[in-house]
Amino acid sequence: MPAAKDPQTKLIDAAMELAASGHWHDVTMIDIATAANTDIAIAFDHFKSKADILRQFVRKIDRLVLADLDPAEFNEPGHDRLIAVMMARFDALAPYRPALKSIIADHGDLGPADALRAIKTHFGSMRWMLDAAGFTTGGLHGSLRIAGLGTIYARGFSQWLDDETTDFGPTMAALDRALARGSNWDKRIHTGILRFNNLRGKVQSKCSGLAQKYRPTTHTETAPDCTKNPDISS
């Protein structure tokens, strides 16, 4: 006998079922609580709004993908691992595709504040997908990686919604091409950041040397301000 669903899962599933059967904009929190056979007060305890349900749904998908990762694949090339993770995400979303089409058609029924939270949730998911594929996501380079993957995923998701093949082959092929282009940009960005950091190190070293050279020996002498047009020509 399957384990009973917790209230949060019941409410998320009910919301997806209602979205699949009608317009997401018309669905209310009372509708969701009723469909989940749950008191509205219980819904209040778990979610702030429909937008909050969508954010938690995304986290549910994140967890499904991460829990299904095969450690044996961690030794594969990063490009292949990332494709595998992205396609695993589409596989996890497949049962909810009718609901997602309804939600996308109504732009998630999100207000400005909820839209900003949704963007934050989206980029959080992309960070986890990159982490799961073995990519570093810290610092400036990591942030640019997350933004790039977010754009690639959004385009792939749009194609996936209308992909009627059984194995989502066209979506995977498009994702493969987009990630290959993204990999080239990633290498260029990595090289650019290394060059910038190298230049910054030279400037800081030069400024430190000048500060030491002109260290004041009396109270009337002052060291030059290296923050204003330092001479780095020598």
Protein backbone atom coordinates (compact mmCIF):
# COMPACT_ATOMS: atom_id res chain seq x y z
CA MET A 1 0.00 0.00 0.00
CA PRO A 2 1.55 3.35 -1.05
CA ALA A 3 2.46 5.77 1.71
CA ALA A 4 0.01 8.58 2.31
CA LYS A 5 1.02 11.88 0.74
CA ASP A 6 1.93 14.76 3.00
CA PRO A 7 -0.34 17.85 2.79
CA GLN A 8 2.19 19.86 0.81
CA THR A 9 2.51 17.17 -1.87
CA LYS A 10 -1.27 16.71 -2.02
CA LEU A 11 -1.75 20.44 -2.56
CA ILE A 12 0.92 20.65 -5.26
CA ASP A 13 -0.55 17.65 -7.11
CA ALA A 14 -4.05 19.11 -6.84
CA ALA A 15 -2.85 22.43 -8.23
CA MET A 16 -1.24 20.70 -11.21
CA GLU A 17 -4.38 18.66 -11.89
CA LEU A 18 -6.55 21.76 -11.82
CA ALA A 19 -4.13 23.61 -14.11
CA ALA A 20 -4.23 20.72 -16.57
CA SER A 21 -8.03 20.73 -16.70
CA GLY A 22 -8.64 24.46 -17.09
CA HIS A 23 -7.16 27.94 -17.00
CA TRP A 24 -4.54 28.45 -14.29
CA HIS A 25 -5.69 32.05 -13.86
CA ASP A 26 -9.13 30.84 -12.77
CA VAL A 27 -7.83 28.42 -10.14
CA THR A 28 -8.12 29.68 -6.56
CA MET A 29 -6.49 28.50 -3.35
CA ILE A 30 -9.91 27.26 -2.20
CA ASP A 31 -10.18 25.20 -5.38
CA ILE A 32 -6.77 23.69 -4.70
CA ALA A 33 -7.54 22.90 -1.06
CA THR A 34 -10.86 21.33 -2.02
CA ALA A 35 -9.31 19.21 -4.79
CA ALA A 36 -6.66 18.04 -2.30
CA ASN A 37 -9.38 17.19 0.24
CA THR A 38 -7.55 19.49 2.63
CA ASP A 39 -8.75 22.31 4.84
CA ILE A 40 -7.93 25.79 3.54
CA ALA A 41 -6.16 26.50 6.82
CA ILE A 42 -3.76 23.64 6.07
CA ALA A 43 -3.07 25.21 2.68
CA PHE A 44 -2.34 28.48 4.49
CA ASP A 45 0.17 26.69 6.73
CA HIS A 46 2.14 25.41 3.73
CA PHE A 47 1.84 28.05 1.01
CA LYS A 48 1.54 31.81 0.76
CA SER A 49 -0.12 31.80 -2.67
CA LYS A 50 -0.44 29.96 -5.99
CA ALA A 51 2.93 31.40 -6.95
CA ASP A 52 4.40 29.83 -3.84
CA ILE A 53 2.96 26.46 -4.93
CA LEU A 54 4.73 26.84 -8.27
CA ARG A 55 8.03 27.61 -6.56
CA GLN A 56 7.68 24.55 -4.35
CA PHE A 57 6.76 22.48 -7.41
CA VAL A 58 10.04 23.54 -9.01
CA ARG A 59 11.91 22.48 -5.88
CA LYS A 60 10.08 19.15 -6.00
CA ILE A 61 11.34 18.61 -9.56
CA ASP A 62 14.84 19.63 -8.48
CA ARG A 63 14.81 17.00 -5.78
CA LEU A 64 13.49 14.29 -8.11
CA VAL A 65 16.30 14.96 -10.57
CA LEU A 66 19.01 15.09 -7.90
CA ALA A 67 17.74 11.94 -6.17
CA ASP A 68 17.83 10.01 -9.45
CA LEU A 69 21.43 10.86 -10.36
CA ASP A 70 23.70 7.90 -11.04
CA PRO A 71 27.12 8.39 -9.37
CA ALA A 72 28.62 6.25 -12.15
CA GLU A 73 27.96 9.13 -14.56
CA PHE A 74 30.05 11.60 -12.54
CA ASN A 75 33.18 10.57 -14.44
CA GLU A 76 31.69 11.40 -17.83
CA PRO A 77 32.60 14.64 -19.68
CA GLY A 78 30.85 17.71 -18.29
CA HIS A 79 28.91 18.33 -21.51
CA ASP A 80 27.42 14.82 -21.43
CA ARG A 81 26.59 15.04 -17.72
CA LEU A 82 24.82 18.35 -18.18
CA ILE A 83 22.72 17.01 -21.07
CA ALA A 84 21.82 13.99 -18.95
CA VAL A 85 20.77 16.21 -16.05
CA MET A 86 18.70 18.50 -18.28
CA MET A 87 16.94 15.60 -19.99
CA ALA A 88 16.28 14.00 -16.60
CA ARG A 89 14.58 17.24 -15.67
CA PHE A 90 12.32 17.09 -18.71
CA ASP A 91 11.53 13.46 -17.92
CA ALA A 92 10.50 14.47 -14.39
CA LEU A 93 8.30 17.23 -15.81
CA ALA A 94 6.66 15.03 -18.45
CA PRO A 95 3.63 13.96 -16.34
CA TYR A 96 2.85 17.63 -15.73
CA ARG A 97 3.13 18.89 -19.30
CA PRO A 98 -0.59 19.66 -19.77
CA ALA A 99 -0.55 21.63 -16.51
CA LEU A 100 2.61 23.46 -17.49
CA LYS A 101 1.11 24.48 -20.84
CA SER A 102 -1.85 26.00 -19.00
CA ILE A 103 0.40 27.79 -16.52
CA ILE A 104 2.70 29.12 -19.26
CA ALA A 105 -0.32 30.30 -21.28
CA ASP A 106 -1.32 32.47 -18.31
CA HIS A 107 2.31 33.52 -17.68
CA GLY A 108 2.10 31.79 -14.33
CA ASP A 109 -0.54 34.31 -13.22
CA LEU A 110 2.33 36.11 -11.48
CA GLY A 111 2.45 39.66 -10.22
CA PRO A 112 5.70 41.69 -10.35
CA ALA A 113 6.94 40.57 -6.92
CA ASP A 114 6.12 36.92 -7.61
CA ALA A 115 7.80 37.14 -11.00
CA LEU A 116 11.03 38.26 -9.33
CA ARG A 117 10.80 35.37 -6.85
CA ALA A 118 10.16 32.98 -9.75
CA ILE A 119 13.32 34.21 -11.50
CA LYS A 120 15.29 33.65 -8.29
CA THR A 121 13.87 30.12 -8.01
CA HIS A 122 14.69 29.43 -11.66
CA PHE A 123 18.31 30.46 -11.27
CA GLY A 124 18.52 28.49 -8.04
CA SER A 125 17.45 25.39 -9.97
CA MET A 126 20.02 26.06 -12.66
CA ARG A 127 22.72 26.36 -10.01
CA TRP A 128 21.79 22.92 -8.67
CA MET A 129 21.73 21.40 -12.15
CA LEU A 130 25.22 22.74 -12.85
CA ASP A 131 26.43 21.54 -9.46
CA ALA A 132 24.96 18.11 -10.19
CA ALA A 133 26.84 18.01 -13.49
CA GLY A 134 30.13 18.82 -11.77
CA PHE A 135 30.52 22.48 -12.75
CA THR A 136 31.66 25.16 -10.32
CA THR A 137 29.05 27.85 -9.71
CA GLY A 138 30.83 30.27 -7.40
CA GLY A 139 32.10 33.76 -8.17
CA LEU A 140 31.57 35.83 -11.29
CA HIS A 141 32.23 32.93 -13.66
CA GLY A 142 29.74 30.73 -11.84
CA SER A 143 27.07 33.44 -11.93
CA LEU A 144 27.54 33.86 -15.67
CA ARG A 145 27.30 30.09 -16.10
CA ILE A 146 24.01 30.03 -14.21
CA ALA A 147 22.58 32.87 -16.30
CA GLY A 148 23.70 31.18 -19.51
CA LEU A 149 22.22 27.83 -18.58
CA GLY A 150 19.02 29.56 -17.51
CA THR A 151 18.64 31.00 -21.01
CA ILE A 152 19.47 27.69 -22.70
CA TYR A 153 17.05 25.80 -20.48
CA ALA A 154 14.23 28.29 -21.09
CA ARG A 155 14.57 27.84 -24.86
CA GLY A 156 14.79 24.07 -24.50
CA PHE A 157 11.75 24.05 -22.25
CA SER A 158 9.73 25.98 -24.83
CA GLN A 159 10.64 23.41 -27.50
CA TRP A 160 10.02 20.50 -25.14
CA LEU A 161 6.45 21.64 -24.46
CA ASP A 162 5.59 21.02 -28.12
CA ASP A 163 7.85 18.00 -28.65
CA GLU A 164 5.50 15.07 -29.35
CA THR A 165 8.19 12.43 -29.86
CA THR A 166 8.41 9.59 -27.36
CA ASP A 167 12.08 10.15 -26.52
CA PHE A 168 12.16 13.96 -26.89
CA GLY A 169 14.93 13.50 -29.46
CA PRO A 170 14.48 16.92 -31.13
CA THR A 171 14.65 18.63 -27.74
CA MET A 172 17.82 16.75 -26.82
CA ALA A 173 19.44 17.59 -30.16
CA ALA A 174 18.62 21.28 -29.78
CA LEU A 175 19.89 21.22 -26.20
CA ASP A 176 23.10 19.52 -27.32
CA ARG A 177 23.75 22.24 -29.91
CA ALA A 178 22.95 25.06 -27.50
CA LEU A 179 25.19 23.63 -24.78
CA ALA A 180 28.04 23.20 -27.30
CA ARG A 181 27.77 26.89 -28.21
CA GLY A 182 27.51 27.76 -24.53
CA SER A 183 30.67 25.75 -23.82
CA ASN A 184 32.61 27.85 -26.32
CA TRP A 185 31.42 31.04 -24.65
CA ASP A 186 32.22 29.56 -21.25
CA LYS A 187 35.84 28.98 -22.30
CA ARG A 188 36.13 32.54 -23.61
CA ILE A 189 34.72 33.94 -20.40
CA HIS A 190 37.11 31.80 -18.36
CA THR A 191 40.07 33.10 -20.38
CA GLY A 192 38.86 36.69 -20.05
CA ILE A 193 38.46 36.42 -16.28
CA LEU A 194 41.96 34.92 -15.94
CA ARG A 195 43.43 37.80 -17.94
CA PHE A 196 41.52 40.36 -15.91
CA ASN A 197 42.64 38.80 -12.62
CA ASN A 198 46.24 38.70 -13.86
CA LEU A 199 46.10 42.39 -14.82
CA ARG A 200 44.48 43.30 -11.50
CA GLY A 201 47.22 41.42 -9.65
CA LYS A 202 49.92 43.34 -11.53
CA VAL A 203 48.27 46.69 -10.77
CA GLN A 204 47.88 45.84 -7.09
CA SER A 205 51.48 44.68 -6.91
CA LYS A 206 52.67 47.91 -8.57
CA CYS A 207 50.62 50.03 -6.19
CA SER A 208 51.95 48.13 -3.20
CA GLY A 209 55.50 48.67 -4.44
CA LEU A 210 54.93 52.40 -4.88
CA ALA A 211 53.37 52.66 -1.45
CA GLN A 212 56.43 50.97 0.07
CA LYS A 213 58.83 53.14 -1.92
CA TYR A 214 57.18 56.38 -0.84
CA ARG A 215 56.42 55.34 2.72
CA PRO A 216 56.55 58.58 4.78
CA THR A 217 59.59 59.01 7.02
CA THR A 218 58.30 62.18 8.71
CA HIS A 219 54.87 63.47 9.66
CA THR A 220 54.96 65.92 6.73
CA GLU A 221 55.59 63.32 4.01
CA THR A 222 52.74 61.37 2.46
CA ALA A 223 52.69 58.35 0.18
CA PRO A 224 51.19 58.76 -3.28
CA ASP A 225 47.57 57.70 -3.75
CA CYS A 226 47.75 54.61 -5.99
CA THR A 227 44.00 54.61 -6.49
CA LYS A 228 44.27 57.70 -8.72
CA ASN A 229 45.80 56.96 -12.12
CA PRO A 230 48.70 54.76 -10.91
CA ASP A 231 51.68 54.64 -13.25
CA ILE A 232 51.86 51.01 -14.39
CA SER A 233 53.87 51.61 -17.56
CA SER A 234 57.20 50.48 -16.08
